[in-house]
């Protein structure tokens, strides 16, 4: 990753990102634990409690980046 210019990369972050995104789309902490292969809920709770309260519960769609139409 350093050769590609990515600083501070750690494989652990991929698991954190996956768990956080899974929670954003509505998976329960128990589903995340099972799918992630975790033995204890401690790590899942750590990932999911850091989500801001006002954050949307869904991930952006592929259309989210499209420019909005201007009213004529």
C-alpha atoms as a PDB file:
ATOM      1  CA  UNK A   1       0.000   0.000   0.000  1.00  0.00           C
ATOM      2  CA  UNK A   2       2.897   2.356   0.703  1.00  0.00           C
ATOM      3  CA  UNK A   3       4.100   1.902  -2.897  1.00  0.00           C
ATOM      4  CA  UNK A   4       0.628   2.912  -4.075  1.00  0.00           C
ATOM      5  CA  UNK A   5       0.826   6.082  -1.995  1.00  0.00           C
ATOM      6  CA  UNK A   6      -1.635   5.002   0.704  1.00  0.00           C
ATOM      7  CA  UNK A   7      -0.353   6.116   4.095  1.00  0.00           C
ATOM      8  CA  UNK A   8      -1.393   4.529   7.365  1.00  0.00           C
ATOM      9  CA  UNK A   9      -3.253   1.572   5.869  1.00  0.00           C
ATOM     10  CA  UNK A  10      -4.061  -1.325   8.181  1.00  0.00           C
ATOM     11  CA  UNK A  11      -6.022  -4.468   7.256  1.00  0.00           C
ATOM     12  CA  UNK A  12      -7.989  -4.081  10.491  1.00  0.00           C
ATOM     13  CA  UNK A  13      -9.642  -0.981   9.031  1.00  0.00           C
ATOM     14  CA  UNK A  14     -11.327  -3.086   6.362  1.00  0.00           C
ATOM     15  CA  UNK A  15     -13.164  -5.054   9.045  1.00  0.00           C
ATOM     16  CA  UNK A  16     -14.103  -1.872  10.871  1.00  0.00           C
ATOM     17  CA  UNK A  17     -15.396  -0.318   7.642  1.00  0.00           C
ATOM     18  CA  UNK A  18     -17.409  -3.431   6.790  1.00  0.00           C
ATOM     19  CA  UNK A  19     -18.976  -3.640  10.262  1.00  0.00           C
ATOM     20  CA  UNK A  20     -19.818   0.067  10.320  1.00  0.00           C
ATOM     21  CA  UNK A  21     -21.401  -0.047   6.854  1.00  0.00           C
ATOM     22  CA  UNK A  22     -23.339  -3.203   7.704  1.00  0.00           C
ATOM     23  CA  UNK A  23     -24.791  -1.426  10.730  1.00  0.00           C
ATOM     24  CA  UNK A  24     -25.641   1.631   8.614  1.00  0.00           C
ATOM     25  CA  UNK A  25     -27.791  -0.482   6.305  1.00  0.00           C
ATOM     26  CA  UNK A  26     -29.672  -1.990   9.201  1.00  0.00           C
ATOM     27  CA  UNK A  27     -27.913  -5.216  10.239  1.00  0.00           C
ATOM     28  CA  UNK A  28     -28.188  -5.904  13.942  1.00  0.00           C
ATOM     29  CA  UNK A  29     -25.070  -6.234  16.053  1.00  0.00           C
ATOM     30  CA  UNK A  30     -25.806  -9.960  16.288  1.00  0.00           C
ATOM     31  CA  UNK A  31     -25.936 -10.325  12.484  1.00  0.00           C
ATOM     32  CA  UNK A  32     -22.665  -8.407  12.171  1.00  0.00           C
ATOM     33  CA  UNK A  33     -21.054 -10.600  14.806  1.00  0.00           C
ATOM     34  CA  UNK A  34     -22.181 -13.790  13.048  1.00  0.00           C
ATOM     35  CA  UNK A  35     -21.254 -12.692   9.528  1.00  0.00           C
ATOM     36  CA  UNK A  36     -17.951 -11.228  10.674  1.00  0.00           C
ATOM     37  CA  UNK A  37     -17.007 -14.362  12.577  1.00  0.00           C
ATOM     38  CA  UNK A  38     -16.649 -12.574  15.900  1.00  0.00           C
ATOM     39  CA  UNK A  39     -16.674 -14.472  19.151  1.00  0.00           C
ATOM     40  CA  UNK A  40     -17.631 -11.527  21.365  1.00  0.00           C
ATOM     41  CA  UNK A  41     -19.882  -8.503  20.869  1.00  0.00           C
ATOM     42  CA  UNK A  42     -17.338  -6.073  22.338  1.00  0.00           C
ATOM     43  CA  UNK A  43     -15.729  -5.186  19.010  1.00  0.00           C
ATOM     44  CA  UNK A  44     -19.064  -4.928  17.179  1.00  0.00           C
ATOM     45  CA  UNK A  45     -20.375  -2.601  19.875  1.00  0.00           C
ATOM     46  CA  UNK A  46     -17.250  -0.468  19.590  1.00  0.00           C
ATOM     47  CA  UNK A  47     -17.755  -0.068  15.832  1.00  0.00           C
ATOM     48  CA  UNK A  48     -21.476   0.651  15.972  1.00  0.00           C
ATOM     49  CA  UNK A  49     -21.571   3.062  18.909  1.00  0.00           C
ATOM     50  CA  UNK A  50     -19.270   5.511  17.147  1.00  0.00           C
ATOM     51  CA  UNK A  51     -21.941   6.210  14.515  1.00  0.00           C
ATOM     52  CA  UNK A  52     -23.448   9.699  14.860  1.00  0.00           C
ATOM     53  CA  UNK A  53     -27.093   9.696  15.956  1.00  0.00           C
ATOM     54  CA  UNK A  54     -28.295  11.775  13.014  1.00  0.00           C
ATOM     55  CA  UNK A  55     -26.525   9.659  10.398  1.00  0.00           C
ATOM     56  CA  UNK A  56     -28.803   8.129   7.764  1.00  0.00           C
ATOM     57  CA  UNK A  57     -29.477   4.419   8.183  1.00  0.00           C
ATOM     58  CA  UNK A  58     -28.832   3.670   4.536  1.00  0.00           C
ATOM     59  CA  UNK A  59     -25.816   3.862   2.283  1.00  0.00           C
ATOM     60  CA  UNK A  60     -25.814   6.170  -0.736  1.00  0.00           C
ATOM     61  CA  UNK A  61     -27.049   4.625  -3.969  1.00  0.00           C
ATOM     62  CA  UNK A  62     -25.088   4.577  -7.203  1.00  0.00           C
ATOM     63  CA  UNK A  63     -27.170   7.586  -8.285  1.00  0.00           C
ATOM     64  CA  UNK A  64     -26.179   9.697  -5.281  1.00  0.00           C
ATOM     65  CA  UNK A  65     -23.256  11.250  -7.138  1.00  0.00           C
ATOM     66  CA  UNK A  66     -25.290  12.379 -10.125  1.00  0.00           C
ATOM     67  CA  UNK A  67     -25.704  16.122 -10.522  1.00  0.00           C
ATOM     68  CA  UNK A  68     -29.140  17.468  -9.682  1.00  0.00           C
ATOM     69  CA  UNK A  69     -31.240  18.991 -12.414  1.00  0.00           C
ATOM     70  CA  UNK A  70     -31.566  22.733 -12.296  1.00  0.00           C
ATOM     71  CA  UNK A  71     -35.009  24.233 -12.454  1.00  0.00           C
ATOM     72  CA  UNK A  72     -35.539  26.235 -15.656  1.00  0.00           C
END
